[in-house]
Structure formats: structure tokens, C-alpha cells
Amino acid sequence: TKSYVFEGTFGMSNRDSYFYAAIVAVVAVHIV
């Protein structure tokens, strides 16, 4: 999500993409 979704598709900065990708990873942990 950091590389392809947030930076690639949405064009977010490197710093913002770290934050949102971490949120996606934490949500994935909770789902598992």
C-alpha cells in the first residue's frame, strides 16, 4: 500500500504514505 496505493495512485509524500500504510498494517493485524 505504501508503494503502489498511497505513493503511486494517490501521489502522497513519502512521509504521509508511511503513516497511512502503518494504519493499514495495524488494521490487518486486528483482522487476523
All heavy atoms as atom14 arrays in JSON, in Angstrom:
{
  "sequence": "TKSYVFEGTFGMSNRDSYFYAAIVAVVAVHIV",
  "atom14_mask": [
    [1, 1, 1, 1, 1, 1, 1, 0, 0, 0, 0, 0, 0, 0],
    [1, 1, 1, 1, 1, 1, 1, 1, 1, 0, 0, 0, 0, 0],
    [1, 1, 1, 1, 1, 1, 0, 0, 0, 0, 0, 0, 0, 0],
    [1, 1, 1, 1, 1, 1, 1, 1, 1, 1, 1, 1, 0, 0],
    [1, 1, 1, 1, 1, 1, 1, 0, 0, 0, 0, 0, 0, 0],
    [1, 1, 1, 1, 1, 1, 1, 1, 1, 1, 1, 0, 0, 0],
    [1, 1, 1, 1, 1, 1, 1, 1, 1, 0, 0, 0, 0, 0],
    [1, 1, 1, 1, 0, 0, 0, 0, 0, 0, 0, 0, 0, 0],
    [1, 1, 1, 1, 1, 1, 1, 0, 0, 0, 0, 0, 0, 0],
    [1, 1, 1, 1, 1, 1, 1, 1, 1, 1, 1, 0, 0, 0],
    [1, 1, 1, 1, 0, 0, 0, 0, 0, 0, 0, 0, 0, 0],
    [1, 1, 1, 1, 1, 1, 1, 1, 0, 0, 0, 0, 0, 0],
    [1, 1, 1, 1, 1, 1, 0, 0, 0, 0, 0, 0, 0, 0],
    [1, 1, 1, 1, 1, 1, 1, 1, 0, 0, 0, 0, 0, 0],
    [1, 1, 1, 1, 1, 1, 1, 1, 1, 1, 1, 0, 0, 0],
    [1, 1, 1, 1, 1, 1, 1, 1, 0, 0, 0, 0, 0, 0],
    [1, 1, 1, 1, 1, 1, 0, 0, 0, 0, 0, 0, 0, 0],
    [1, 1, 1, 1, 1, 1, 1, 1, 1, 1, 1, 1, 0, 0],
    [1, 1, 1, 1, 1, 1, 1, 1, 1, 1, 1, 0, 0, 0],
    [1, 1, 1, 1, 1, 1, 1, 1, 1, 1, 1, 1, 0, 0],
    [1, 1, 1, 1, 1, 0, 0, 0, 0, 0, 0, 0, 0, 0],
    [1, 1, 1, 1, 1, 0, 0, 0, 0, 0, 0, 0, 0, 0],
    [1, 1, 1, 1, 1, 1, 1, 1, 0, 0, 0, 0, 0, 0],
    [1, 1, 1, 1, 1, 1, 1, 0, 0, 0, 0, 0, 0, 0],
    [1, 1, 1, 1, 1, 0, 0, 0, 0, 0, 0, 0, 0, 0],
    [1, 1, 1, 1, 1, 1, 1, 0, 0, 0, 0, 0, 0, 0],
    [1, 1, 1, 1, 1, 1, 1, 0, 0, 0, 0, 0, 0, 0],
    [1, 1, 1, 1, 1, 0, 0, 0, 0, 0, 0, 0, 0, 0],
    [1, 1, 1, 1, 1, 1, 1, 0, 0, 0, 0, 0, 0, 0],
    [1, 1, 1, 1, 1, 1, 1, 1, 1, 1, 0, 0, 0, 0],
    [1, 1, 1, 1, 1, 1, 1, 1, 0, 0, 0, 0, 0, 0],
    [1, 1, 1, 1, 1, 1, 1, 0, 0, 0, 0, 0, 0, 0]
  ],
  "atom14_positions": [
    [[0.82, -1.21, 0.0], [0.0, 0.0, 0.0], [0.85, 1.26, 0.0], [0.48, 2.25, -0.62], [-0.95, 0.03, 1.2], [-0.21, -0.08, 2.41], [-1.99, -1.07, 1.11], [0.0, 0.0, 0.0], [0.0, 0.0, 0.0], [0.0, 0.0, 0.0], [0.0, 0.0, 0.0], [0.0, 0.0, 0.0], [0.0, 0.0, 0.0], [0.0, 0.0, 0.0]],
    [[2.0, 1.22, 0.66], [2.87, 2.39, 0.67], [3.35, 2.72, -0.73], [3.25, 3.86, -1.18], [4.07, 2.15, 1.58], [5.02, 3.33, 1.64], [6.27, 2.96, 2.4], [7.3, 4.05, 2.37], [7.58, 4.6, 1.06], [0.0, 0.0, 0.0], [0.0, 0.0, 0.0], [0.0, 0.0, 0.0], [0.0, 0.0, 0.0], [0.0, 0.0, 0.0]],
    [[3.84, 1.73, -1.44], [4.42, 1.96, -2.76], [3.38, 2.17, -3.84], [3.46, 3.13, -4.61], [5.31, 0.79, -3.17], [6.38, 0.65, -2.27], [0.0, 0.0, 0.0], [0.0, 0.0, 0.0], [0.0, 0.0, 0.0], [0.0, 0.0, 0.0], [0.0, 0.0, 0.0], [0.0, 0.0, 0.0], [0.0, 0.0, 0.0], [0.0, 0.0, 0.0]],
    [[2.43, 1.27, -3.91], [1.51, 1.28, -5.05], [0.25, 2.1, -4.84], [-0.23, 2.74, -5.77], [1.13, -0.16, -5.42], [2.31, -0.99, -5.82], [2.72, -2.06, -5.04], [3.05, -0.68, -6.96], [3.82, -2.81, -5.4], [4.15, -1.43, -7.32], [4.53, -2.5, -6.54], [5.63, -3.24, -6.89], [0.0, 0.0, 0.0], [0.0, 0.0, 0.0]],
    [[-0.28, 2.09, -3.63], [-1.55, 2.79, -3.42], [-1.32, 4.24, -3.02], [-1.78, 5.15, -3.71], [-2.4, 2.06, -2.34], [-3.67, 2.82, -2.05], [-2.72, 0.65, -2.79], [0.0, 0.0, 0.0], [0.0, 0.0, 0.0], [0.0, 0.0, 0.0], [0.0, 0.0, 0.0], [0.0, 0.0, 0.0], [0.0, 0.0, 0.0], [0.0, 0.0, 0.0]],
    [[-0.61, 4.44, -1.93], [-0.51, 5.8, -1.4], [0.46, 6.68, -2.19], [0.15, 7.83, -2.48], [-0.16, 5.77, 0.09], [-1.21, 5.12, 0.92], [-0.92, 4.02, 1.68], [-2.51, 5.59, 0.91], [-1.9, 3.4, 2.44], [-3.5, 4.98, 1.66], [-3.19, 3.87, 2.43], [0.0, 0.0, 0.0], [0.0, 0.0, 0.0], [0.0, 0.0, 0.0]],
    [[1.64, 6.16, -2.53], [2.59, 6.97, -3.31], [2.27, 6.92, -4.8], [2.36, 7.93, -5.48], [4.02, 6.49, -3.06], [4.54, 6.85, -1.69], [5.95, 6.33, -1.44], [6.53, 5.69, -2.34], [6.46, 6.57, -0.34], [0.0, 0.0, 0.0], [0.0, 0.0, 0.0], [0.0, 0.0, 0.0], [0.0, 0.0, 0.0], [0.0, 0.0, 0.0]],
    [[1.91, 5.73, -5.3], [1.67, 5.57, -6.73], [0.35, 6.14, -7.19], [0.28, 6.99, -8.08], [0.0, 0.0, 0.0], [0.0, 0.0, 0.0], [0.0, 0.0, 0.0], [0.0, 0.0, 0.0], [0.0, 0.0, 0.0], [0.0, 0.0, 0.0], [0.0, 0.0, 0.0], [0.0, 0.0, 0.0], [0.0, 0.0, 0.0], [0.0, 0.0, 0.0]],
    [[-0.73, 5.68, -6.59], [-2.07, 6.08, -7.03], [-2.48, 7.45, -6.5], [-2.96, 8.3, -7.26], [-3.11, 5.02, -6.59], [-2.7, 3.75, -7.09], [-4.48, 5.35, -7.12], [0.0, 0.0, 0.0], [0.0, 0.0, 0.0], [0.0, 0.0, 0.0], [0.0, 0.0, 0.0], [0.0, 0.0, 0.0], [0.0, 0.0, 0.0], [0.0, 0.0, 0.0]],
    [[-2.31, 7.65, -5.2], [-2.77, 8.9, -4.6], [-1.72, 10.01, -4.68], [-2.02, 11.16, -4.4], [-3.17, 8.69, -3.14], [-4.37, 7.81, -2.98], [-4.41, 6.85, -2.0], [-5.48, 7.94, -3.8], [-5.52, 6.03, -1.84], [-6.59, 7.13, -3.66], [-6.61, 6.17, -2.66], [0.0, 0.0, 0.0], [0.0, 0.0, 0.0], [0.0, 0.0, 0.0]],
    [[-0.48, 9.69, -4.98], [0.58, 10.69, -5.1], [0.95, 11.36, -3.78], [1.35, 12.52, -3.77], [0.0, 0.0, 0.0], [0.0, 0.0, 0.0], [0.0, 0.0, 0.0], [0.0, 0.0, 0.0], [0.0, 0.0, 0.0], [0.0, 0.0, 0.0], [0.0, 0.0, 0.0], [0.0, 0.0, 0.0], [0.0, 0.0, 0.0], [0.0, 0.0, 0.0]],
    [[0.85, 10.64, -2.7], [1.18, 11.2, -1.39], [2.69, 11.3, -1.21], [3.45, 10.61, -1.89], [0.6, 10.34, -0.27], [-0.87, 10.34, -0.17], [-1.37, 9.34, 1.24], [-3.09, 9.71, 1.29], [0.0, 0.0, 0.0], [0.0, 0.0, 0.0], [0.0, 0.0, 0.0], [0.0, 0.0, 0.0], [0.0, 0.0, 0.0], [0.0, 0.0, 0.0]],
    [[3.08, 12.12, -0.28], [4.51, 12.24, 0.02], [4.99, 10.99, 0.73], [4.19, 10.19, 1.23], [4.77, 13.47, 0.9], [4.24, 13.26, 2.2], [0.0, 0.0, 0.0], [0.0, 0.0, 0.0], [0.0, 0.0, 0.0], [0.0, 0.0, 0.0], [0.0, 0.0, 0.0], [0.0, 0.0, 0.0], [0.0, 0.0, 0.0], [0.0, 0.0, 0.0]],
    [[6.29, 10.82, 0.79], [6.89, 9.66, 1.43], [6.49, 9.57, 2.9], [6.18, 8.5, 3.42], [8.41, 9.73, 1.28], [9.08, 8.43, 1.6], [8.45, 7.38, 1.62], [10.37, 8.49, 1.85], [0.0, 0.0, 0.0], [0.0, 0.0, 0.0], [0.0, 0.0, 0.0], [0.0, 0.0, 0.0], [0.0, 0.0, 0.0], [0.0, 0.0, 0.0]],
    [[6.49, 10.71, 3.56], [6.17, 10.75, 4.99], [4.71, 10.38, 5.26], [4.4, 9.63, 6.19], [6.48, 12.14, 5.53], [6.4, 12.25, 7.0], [6.87, 13.59, 7.45], [6.95, 13.61, 8.89], [7.66, 14.46, 9.56], [8.37, 15.36, 8.94], [7.67, 14.43, 10.86], [0.0, 0.0, 0.0], [0.0, 0.0, 0.0], [0.0, 0.0, 0.0]],
    [[3.8, 10.91, 4.46], [2.38, 10.59, 4.64], [2.08, 9.13, 4.32], [1.26, 8.49, 4.99], [1.51, 11.49, 3.76], [1.46, 12.93, 4.26], [1.78, 13.15, 5.45], [1.1, 13.8, 3.46], [0.0, 0.0, 0.0], [0.0, 0.0, 0.0], [0.0, 0.0, 0.0], [0.0, 0.0, 0.0], [0.0, 0.0, 0.0], [0.0, 0.0, 0.0]],
    [[2.75, 8.61, 3.3], [2.49, 7.23, 2.92], [2.94, 6.25, 4.0], [2.32, 5.2, 4.19], [3.15, 6.89, 1.59], [4.56, 6.94, 1.71], [0.0, 0.0, 0.0], [0.0, 0.0, 0.0], [0.0, 0.0, 0.0], [0.0, 0.0, 0.0], [0.0, 0.0, 0.0], [0.0, 0.0, 0.0], [0.0, 0.0, 0.0], [0.0, 0.0, 0.0]],
    [[4.0, 6.58, 4.75], [4.41, 5.74, 5.88], [3.29, 5.63, 6.9], [2.99, 4.57, 7.41], [5.64, 6.31, 6.57], [6.95, 6.08, 5.9], [7.85, 7.12, 5.72], [7.32, 4.82, 5.45], [9.07, 6.91, 5.11], [8.53, 4.6, 4.83], [9.4, 5.65, 4.67], [10.59, 5.43, 4.06], [0.0, 0.0, 0.0], [0.0, 0.0, 0.0]],
    [[2.7, 6.78, 7.21], [1.66, 6.84, 8.23], [0.44, 6.02, 7.84], [-0.03, 5.19, 8.61], [1.29, 8.31, 8.46], [0.19, 8.5, 9.46], [0.42, 8.32, 10.8], [-1.09, 8.85, 9.03], [-0.59, 8.49, 11.73], [-2.1, 9.03, 9.95], [-1.86, 8.85, 11.3], [0.0, 0.0, 0.0], [0.0, 0.0, 0.0], [0.0, 0.0, 0.0]],
    [[-0.05, 6.22, 6.65], [-1.27, 5.52, 6.23], [-1.02, 4.03, 5.97], [-1.89, 3.2, 6.22], [-1.87, 6.19, 5.0], [-2.42, 7.56, 5.32], [-1.85, 8.71, 4.8], [-3.5, 7.69, 6.17], [-2.35, 9.96, 5.11], [-4.01, 8.94, 6.5], [-3.43, 10.07, 5.96], [-3.93, 11.3, 6.29], [0.0, 0.0, 0.0], [0.0, 0.0, 0.0]],
    [[0.16, 3.68, 5.5], [0.49, 2.26, 5.3], [0.58, 1.55, 6.65], [0.19, 0.38, 6.77], [1.79, 2.12, 4.54], [0.0, 0.0, 0.0], [0.0, 0.0, 0.0], [0.0, 0.0, 0.0], [0.0, 0.0, 0.0], [0.0, 0.0, 0.0], [0.0, 0.0, 0.0], [0.0, 0.0, 0.0], [0.0, 0.0, 0.0], [0.0, 0.0, 0.0]],
    [[1.07, 2.25, 7.67], [1.12, 1.66, 9.02], [-0.29, 1.42, 9.55], [-0.54, 0.39, 10.2], [1.91, 2.56, 9.96], [0.0, 0.0, 0.0], [0.0, 0.0, 0.0], [0.0, 0.0, 0.0], [0.0, 0.0, 0.0], [0.0, 0.0, 0.0], [0.0, 0.0, 0.0], [0.0, 0.0, 0.0], [0.0, 0.0, 0.0], [0.0, 0.0, 0.0]],
    [[-1.19, 2.32, 9.27], [-2.58, 2.13, 9.7], [-3.18, 0.89, 9.03], [-3.85, 0.08, 9.67], [-3.42, 3.39, 9.4], [-2.99, 4.52, 10.32], [-4.91, 3.11, 9.57], [-3.63, 5.85, 10.02], [0.0, 0.0, 0.0], [0.0, 0.0, 0.0], [0.0, 0.0, 0.0], [0.0, 0.0, 0.0], [0.0, 0.0, 0.0], [0.0, 0.0, 0.0]],
    [[-2.91, 0.73, 7.73], [-3.4, -0.45, 7.02], [-2.83, -1.72, 7.63], [-3.54, -2.72, 7.82], [-3.07, -0.36, 5.51], [-3.35, -1.66, 4.8], [-3.84, 0.78, 4.87], [0.0, 0.0, 0.0], [0.0, 0.0, 0.0], [0.0, 0.0, 0.0], [0.0, 0.0, 0.0], [0.0, 0.0, 0.0], [0.0, 0.0, 0.0], [0.0, 0.0, 0.0]],
    [[-1.55, -1.73, 7.98], [-0.92, -2.91, 8.57], [-1.52, -3.23, 9.94], [-1.76, -4.4, 10.26], [0.59, -2.7, 8.68], [0.0, 0.0, 0.0], [0.0, 0.0, 0.0], [0.0, 0.0, 0.0], [0.0, 0.0, 0.0], [0.0, 0.0, 0.0], [0.0, 0.0, 0.0], [0.0, 0.0, 0.0], [0.0, 0.0, 0.0], [0.0, 0.0, 0.0]],
    [[-1.78, -2.22, 10.73], [-2.37, -2.44, 12.06], [-3.78, -2.99, 11.93], [-4.19, -3.9, 12.67], [-2.34, -1.13, 12.89], [-3.2, -1.24, 14.14], [-0.92, -0.78, 13.26], [0.0, 0.0, 0.0], [0.0, 0.0, 0.0], [0.0, 0.0, 0.0], [0.0, 0.0, 0.0], [0.0, 0.0, 0.0], [0.0, 0.0, 0.0], [0.0, 0.0, 0.0]],
    [[-4.55, -2.47, 10.98], [-5.9, -2.99, 10.75], [-5.82, -4.46, 10.31], [-6.63, -5.3, 10.74], [-6.65, -2.12, 9.72], [-7.92, -2.78, 9.25], [-6.95, -0.75, 10.31], [0.0, 0.0, 0.0], [0.0, 0.0, 0.0], [0.0, 0.0, 0.0], [0.0, 0.0, 0.0], [0.0, 0.0, 0.0], [0.0, 0.0, 0.0], [0.0, 0.0, 0.0]],
    [[-4.85, -4.79, 9.47], [-4.67, -6.17, 9.02], [-4.36, -7.1, 10.2], [-4.88, -8.21, 10.27], [-3.57, -6.27, 7.98], [0.0, 0.0, 0.0], [0.0, 0.0, 0.0], [0.0, 0.0, 0.0], [0.0, 0.0, 0.0], [0.0, 0.0, 0.0], [0.0, 0.0, 0.0], [0.0, 0.0, 0.0], [0.0, 0.0, 0.0], [0.0, 0.0, 0.0]],
    [[-3.53, -6.65, 11.13], [-3.22, -7.44, 12.32], [-4.49, -7.7, 13.13], [-4.73, -8.83, 13.59], [-2.15, -6.74, 13.19], [-2.06, -7.36, 14.56], [-0.8, -6.78, 12.51], [0.0, 0.0, 0.0], [0.0, 0.0, 0.0], [0.0, 0.0, 0.0], [0.0, 0.0, 0.0], [0.0, 0.0, 0.0], [0.0, 0.0, 0.0], [0.0, 0.0, 0.0]],
    [[-5.3, -6.68, 13.3], [-6.53, -6.86, 14.06], [-7.51, -7.81, 13.36], [-8.19, -8.59, 14.03], [-7.19, -5.5, 14.31], [-6.52, -4.73, 15.39], [-5.41, -3.94, 15.15], [-6.78, -4.63, 16.71], [-5.02, -3.39, 16.28], [-5.83, -3.79, 17.24], [0.0, 0.0, 0.0], [0.0, 0.0, 0.0], [0.0, 0.0, 0.0], [0.0, 0.0, 0.0]],
    [[-7.56, -7.75, 12.05], [-8.44, -8.66, 11.32], [-7.96, -10.1, 11.46], [-8.76, -11.02, 11.68], [-8.54, -8.24, 9.84], [-9.34, -6.94, 9.73], [-9.15, -9.32, 8.98], [-9.33, -6.32, 8.36], [0.0, 0.0, 0.0], [0.0, 0.0, 0.0], [0.0, 0.0, 0.0], [0.0, 0.0, 0.0], [0.0, 0.0, 0.0], [0.0, 0.0, 0.0]],
    [[-6.65, -10.32, 11.35], [-6.11, -11.68, 11.5], [-6.37, -12.19, 12.92], [-6.76, -13.35, 13.1], [-4.6, -11.71, 11.16], [-3.99, -13.05, 11.54], [-4.39, -11.44, 9.68], [0.0, 0.0, 0.0], [0.0, 0.0, 0.0], [0.0, 0.0, 0.0], [0.0, 0.0, 0.0], [0.0, 0.0, 0.0], [0.0, 0.0, 0.0], [0.0, 0.0, 0.0]]
  ]
}
